[in-house]
Amino acid sequence: MSVADPVADPAADPRADPLADPLALDRQVCFALAAASRAVIGLYRPVLEPMGLTHPQYLVMLALWERSSRTVRDLGSALSLEPATLSPLLKRLEAAGLITRARNVADERALEVELTQAGRDLRAQAVLVPGRIVERLGMPLAELEAIRDGLTRLLAAAR
């Protein structure tokens, strides 16, 4: 079997038809995910800034609003974050007075993270965030939910 020479035969060059080129940037799942992630997270910045939160800190707070107290290990698992990434986020949230960290009395190896009253109170402002993001995206909620569900399946498949 011979391989066509794209220089001698331009029709054999997969770059001539971007739909036929498996390496075309716009066909890459990784590129679409990375670009969409940056763009969507960018929409959160002006919404979260008045609350004094970055997007990663917001994710930590979401996990704690679901259940407080949690161990650092449990938070890392829920957020798919390594301890080295999570630790500085927790330090900043603690410095802001939103959480406390303390050793578990039953297991000194476990570090418990718990919301302070200020952290619990911040939830009243945060409850408005999802609606503001939907509004900023300008897409139907049902479409966004379908995208989220597809990404959740993709994440499970990638693990």
C-alpha atoms as a PDB file:
ATOM      1  CA  MET A   1       0.000   0.000   0.000  1.00  0.00           C
ATOM      2  CA  SER A   2       1.450   3.350  -0.977  1.00  0.00           C
ATOM      3  CA  VAL A   3       1.005   6.581   0.925  1.00  0.00           C
ATOM      4  CA  ALA A   4      -0.090   9.528  -1.167  1.00  0.00           C
ATOM      5  CA  ASP A   5       2.332  12.437  -1.272  1.00  0.00           C
ATOM      6  CA  PRO A   6       0.383  15.580  -0.247  1.00  0.00           C
ATOM      7  CA  VAL A   7       2.837  17.786  -2.141  1.00  0.00           C
ATOM      8  CA  ALA A   8       2.383  15.828  -5.390  1.00  0.00           C
ATOM      9  CA  ASP A   9      -1.339  15.278  -4.772  1.00  0.00           C
ATOM     10  CA  PRO A  10      -2.934  18.191  -2.849  1.00  0.00           C
ATOM     11  CA  ALA A  11      -6.198  16.213  -2.559  1.00  0.00           C
ATOM     12  CA  ALA A  12      -4.346  13.677  -0.396  1.00  0.00           C
ATOM     13  CA  ASP A  13      -3.394  16.370   2.139  1.00  0.00           C
ATOM     14  CA  PRO A  14      -5.797  16.074   5.108  1.00  0.00           C
ATOM     15  CA  ARG A  15      -5.207  19.774   5.815  1.00  0.00           C
ATOM     16  CA  ALA A  16      -7.038  20.578   2.571  1.00  0.00           C
ATOM     17  CA  ASP A  17     -10.296  19.525   4.268  1.00  0.00           C
ATOM     18  CA  PRO A  18     -10.341  20.511   7.941  1.00  0.00           C
ATOM     19  CA  LEU A  19     -13.159  18.023   8.575  1.00  0.00           C
ATOM     20  CA  ALA A  20     -10.955  15.186   7.357  1.00  0.00           C
ATOM     21  CA  ASP A  21      -7.925  16.242   9.414  1.00  0.00           C
ATOM     22  CA  PRO A  22      -7.935  14.463  12.801  1.00  0.00           C
ATOM     23  CA  LEU A  23      -5.412  17.040  14.033  1.00  0.00           C
ATOM     24  CA  ALA A  24      -7.480  20.117  13.180  1.00  0.00           C
ATOM     25  CA  LEU A  25      -7.613  22.277  16.294  1.00  0.00           C
ATOM     26  CA  ASP A  26     -11.371  22.748  16.128  1.00  0.00           C
ATOM     27  CA  ARG A  27     -11.852  18.959  16.171  1.00  0.00           C
ATOM     28  CA  GLN A  28      -9.981  18.477  19.447  1.00  0.00           C
ATOM     29  CA  VAL A  29     -12.045  17.782  22.560  1.00  0.00           C
ATOM     30  CA  CYS A  30      -9.156  18.987  24.725  1.00  0.00           C
ATOM     31  CA  PHE A  31      -9.057  22.363  22.990  1.00  0.00           C
ATOM     32  CA  ALA A  32     -12.811  22.894  23.214  1.00  0.00           C
ATOM     33  CA  LEU A  33     -12.758  21.982  26.918  1.00  0.00           C
ATOM     34  CA  ALA A  34      -9.783  24.217  27.713  1.00  0.00           C
ATOM     35  CA  ALA A  35     -11.138  27.211  25.806  1.00  0.00           C
ATOM     36  CA  ALA A  36     -14.661  26.817  27.213  1.00  0.00           C
ATOM     37  CA  SER A  37     -13.285  26.418  30.733  1.00  0.00           C
ATOM     38  CA  ARG A  38     -11.240  29.616  30.519  1.00  0.00           C
ATOM     39  CA  ALA A  39     -14.159  31.554  29.027  1.00  0.00           C
ATOM     40  CA  VAL A  40     -16.771  30.349  31.517  1.00  0.00           C
ATOM     41  CA  ILE A  41     -14.494  30.793  34.546  1.00  0.00           C
ATOM     42  CA  GLY A  42     -13.781  34.302  33.261  1.00  0.00           C
ATOM     43  CA  LEU A  43     -17.507  35.058  33.486  1.00  0.00           C
ATOM     44  CA  TYR A  44     -17.428  34.182  37.186  1.00  0.00           C
ATOM     45  CA  ARG A  45     -14.675  36.675  38.062  1.00  0.00           C
ATOM     46  CA  PRO A  46     -16.790  39.870  38.143  1.00  0.00           C
ATOM     47  CA  VAL A  47     -19.666  38.024  39.830  1.00  0.00           C
ATOM     48  CA  LEU A  48     -17.483  36.537  42.598  1.00  0.00           C
ATOM     49  CA  GLU A  49     -15.207  39.529  43.121  1.00  0.00           C
ATOM     50  CA  PRO A  50     -17.707  41.500  45.261  1.00  0.00           C
ATOM     51  CA  MET A  51     -17.974  38.418  47.492  1.00  0.00           C
ATOM     52  CA  GLY A  52     -14.174  38.373  47.904  1.00  0.00           C
ATOM     53  CA  LEU A  53     -13.845  34.959  46.249  1.00  0.00           C
ATOM     54  CA  THR A  54     -11.877  33.553  43.359  1.00  0.00           C
ATOM     55  CA  HIS A  55     -13.435  30.766  41.307  1.00  0.00           C
ATOM     56  CA  PRO A  56     -11.414  27.992  43.021  1.00  0.00           C
ATOM     57  CA  GLN A  57     -12.352  29.420  46.428  1.00  0.00           C
ATOM     58  CA  TYR A  58     -16.006  29.505  45.320  1.00  0.00           C
ATOM     59  CA  LEU A  59     -15.806  25.790  44.493  1.00  0.00           C
ATOM     60  CA  VAL A  60     -14.434  25.062  47.981  1.00  0.00           C
ATOM     61  CA  MET A  61     -17.247  27.097  49.520  1.00  0.00           C
ATOM     62  CA  LEU A  62     -19.844  25.243  47.412  1.00  0.00           C
ATOM     63  CA  ALA A  63     -18.548  21.939  48.772  1.00  0.00           C
ATOM     64  CA  LEU A  64     -18.667  23.289  52.326  1.00  0.00           C
ATOM     65  CA  TRP A  65     -22.169  24.728  51.897  1.00  0.00           C
ATOM     66  CA  GLU A  66     -23.228  21.211  50.909  1.00  0.00           C
ATOM     67  CA  ARG A  67     -21.650  19.773  54.049  1.00  0.00           C
ATOM     68  CA  SER A  68     -19.575  21.347  56.808  1.00  0.00           C
ATOM     69  CA  SER A  69     -17.419  20.048  58.416  1.00  0.00           C
ATOM     70  CA  ARG A  70     -15.310  18.065  55.986  1.00  0.00           C
ATOM     71  CA  THR A  71     -11.797  16.728  56.070  1.00  0.00           C
ATOM     72  CA  VAL A  72      -9.221  18.147  53.691  1.00  0.00           C
ATOM     73  CA  ARG A  73      -9.047  14.692  52.085  1.00  0.00           C
ATOM     74  CA  ASP A  74     -12.822  14.650  51.549  1.00  0.00           C
ATOM     75  CA  LEU A  75     -12.783  18.177  50.094  1.00  0.00           C
ATOM     76  CA  GLY A  76      -9.922  17.266  47.762  1.00  0.00           C
ATOM     77  CA  SER A  77     -11.816  14.216  46.574  1.00  0.00           C
ATOM     78  CA  ALA A  78     -15.070  16.135  46.054  1.00  0.00           C
ATOM     79  CA  LEU A  79     -13.273  18.887  44.116  1.00  0.00           C
ATOM     80  CA  SER A  80     -10.755  16.665  42.288  1.00  0.00           C
ATOM     81  CA  LEU A  81      -7.924  18.723  43.781  1.00  0.00           C
ATOM     82  CA  GLU A  82      -4.579  17.631  45.143  1.00  0.00           C
ATOM     83  CA  PRO A  83      -3.695  18.649  48.718  1.00  0.00           C
ATOM     84  CA  ALA A  84      -0.919  20.916  47.400  1.00  0.00           C
ATOM     85  CA  THR A  85      -3.522  22.857  45.395  1.00  0.00           C
ATOM     86  CA  LEU A  86      -6.212  22.822  48.076  1.00  0.00           C
ATOM     87  CA  SER A  87      -4.041  23.887  51.020  1.00  0.00           C
ATOM     88  CA  PRO A  88      -3.324  27.464  49.811  1.00  0.00           C
ATOM     89  CA  LEU A  89      -7.024  27.940  48.974  1.00  0.00           C
ATOM     90  CA  LEU A  90      -7.973  26.892  52.494  1.00  0.00           C
ATOM     91  CA  LYS A  91      -5.338  29.188  54.026  1.00  0.00           C
ATOM     92  CA  ARG A  92      -6.755  32.181  52.139  1.00  0.00           C
ATOM     93  CA  LEU A  93     -10.345  31.287  53.067  1.00  0.00           C
ATOM     94  CA  GLU A  94      -9.292  30.949  56.694  1.00  0.00           C
ATOM     95  CA  ALA A  95      -7.463  34.308  56.585  1.00  0.00           C
ATOM     96  CA  ALA A  96     -10.672  35.837  55.173  1.00  0.00           C
ATOM     97  CA  GLY A  97     -12.577  34.478  58.171  1.00  0.00           C
ATOM     98  CA  LEU A  98     -14.799  32.156  56.120  1.00  0.00           C
ATOM     99  CA  ILE A  99     -13.532  28.790  57.417  1.00  0.00           C
ATOM    100  CA  THR A 100     -11.615  27.249  60.280  1.00  0.00           C
ATOM    101  CA  ARG A 101      -9.183  24.355  60.101  1.00  0.00           C
ATOM    102  CA  ALA A 102      -8.527  22.100  63.058  1.00  0.00           C
ATOM    103  CA  ARG A 103      -7.123  18.651  63.727  1.00  0.00           C
ATOM    104  CA  ASN A 104      -9.736  15.962  64.195  1.00  0.00           C
ATOM    105  CA  VAL A 105      -9.771  14.928  67.866  1.00  0.00           C
ATOM    106  CA  ALA A 106     -10.412  11.281  66.972  1.00  0.00           C
ATOM    107  CA  ASP A 107      -7.722  11.184  64.260  1.00  0.00           C
ATOM    108  CA  GLU A 108      -4.889  13.709  64.564  1.00  0.00           C
ATOM    109  CA  ARG A 109      -3.875  12.994  60.955  1.00  0.00           C
ATOM    110  CA  ALA A 110      -7.167  14.389  59.636  1.00  0.00           C
ATOM    111  CA  LEU A 111      -7.612  18.140  59.250  1.00  0.00           C
ATOM    112  CA  GLU A 112     -11.251  19.245  59.569  1.00  0.00           C
ATOM    113  CA  VAL A 113     -12.522  22.253  57.642  1.00  0.00           C
ATOM    114  CA  GLU A 114     -15.627  24.009  58.870  1.00  0.00           C
ATOM    115  CA  LEU A 115     -17.509  27.140  57.877  1.00  0.00           C
ATOM    116  CA  THR A 116     -17.505  30.097  60.233  1.00  0.00           C
ATOM    117  CA  GLN A 117     -20.655  32.155  60.698  1.00  0.00           C
ATOM    118  CA  ALA A 118     -19.309  34.581  58.065  1.00  0.00           C
ATOM    119  CA  GLY A 119     -18.826  31.632  55.702  1.00  0.00           C
ATOM    120  CA  ARG A 120     -22.379  30.443  56.315  1.00  0.00           C
ATOM    121  CA  ASP A 121     -23.706  33.991  55.857  1.00  0.00           C
ATOM    122  CA  LEU A 122     -21.916  34.352  52.509  1.00  0.00           C
ATOM    123  CA  ARG A 123     -24.204  31.655  51.102  1.00  0.00           C
ATOM    124  CA  ALA A 124     -27.047  34.214  50.936  1.00  0.00           C
ATOM    125  CA  GLN A 125     -25.045  36.184  48.347  1.00  0.00           C
ATOM    126  CA  ALA A 126     -23.748  33.086  46.574  1.00  0.00           C
ATOM    127  CA  VAL A 127     -27.230  31.765  45.887  1.00  0.00           C
ATOM    128  CA  LEU A 128     -27.513  34.497  43.218  1.00  0.00           C
ATOM    129  CA  VAL A 129     -24.335  33.422  41.374  1.00  0.00           C
ATOM    130  CA  PRO A 130     -25.737  30.565  39.227  1.00  0.00           C
ATOM    131  CA  GLY A 131     -28.544  32.743  37.855  1.00  0.00           C
ATOM    132  CA  ARG A 132     -26.119  35.551  37.029  1.00  0.00           C
ATOM    133  CA  ILE A 133     -23.861  33.138  35.165  1.00  0.00           C
ATOM    134  CA  VAL A 134     -26.796  31.700  33.188  1.00  0.00           C
ATOM    135  CA  GLU A 135     -27.795  35.264  32.336  1.00  0.00           C
ATOM    136  CA  ARG A 136     -24.263  36.194  31.250  1.00  0.00           C
ATOM    137  CA  LEU A 137     -24.024  33.078  29.055  1.00  0.00           C
ATOM    138  CA  GLY A 138     -27.342  33.869  27.370  1.00  0.00           C
ATOM    139  CA  MET A 139     -28.106  30.194  26.801  1.00  0.00           C
ATOM    140  CA  PRO A 140     -31.229  28.270  27.773  1.00  0.00           C
ATOM    141  CA  LEU A 141     -30.928  26.589  31.174  1.00  0.00           C
ATOM    142  CA  ALA A 142     -31.915  23.224  29.684  1.00  0.00           C
ATOM    143  CA  GLU A 143     -29.013  23.438  27.213  1.00  0.00           C
ATOM    144  CA  LEU A 144     -26.553  24.322  29.978  1.00  0.00           C
ATOM    145  CA  GLU A 145     -27.816  21.421  32.089  1.00  0.00           C
ATOM    146  CA  ALA A 146     -27.379  19.049  29.132  1.00  0.00           C
ATOM    147  CA  ILE A 147     -23.808  20.310  28.639  1.00  0.00           C
ATOM    148  CA  ARG A 148     -23.077  19.850  32.359  1.00  0.00           C
ATOM    149  CA  ASP A 149     -24.480  16.313  32.254  1.00  0.00           C
ATOM    150  CA  GLY A 150     -22.368  15.483  29.197  1.00  0.00           C
ATOM    151  CA  LEU A 151     -19.247  16.865  30.876  1.00  0.00           C
ATOM    152  CA  THR A 152     -20.009  14.818  33.987  1.00  0.00           C
ATOM    153  CA  ARG A 153     -20.148  11.663  31.838  1.00  0.00           C
ATOM    154  CA  LEU A 154     -16.920  12.711  30.103  1.00  0.00           C
ATOM    155  CA  LEU A 155     -15.210  13.220  33.454  1.00  0.00           C
ATOM    156  CA  ALA A 156     -16.323   9.785  34.652  1.00  0.00           C
ATOM    157  CA  ALA A 157     -15.066   8.190  31.428  1.00  0.00           C
ATOM    158  CA  ALA A 158     -11.693   9.967  31.717  1.00  0.00           C
ATOM    159  CA  ARG A 159     -11.131   8.704  35.260  1.00  0.00           C
END
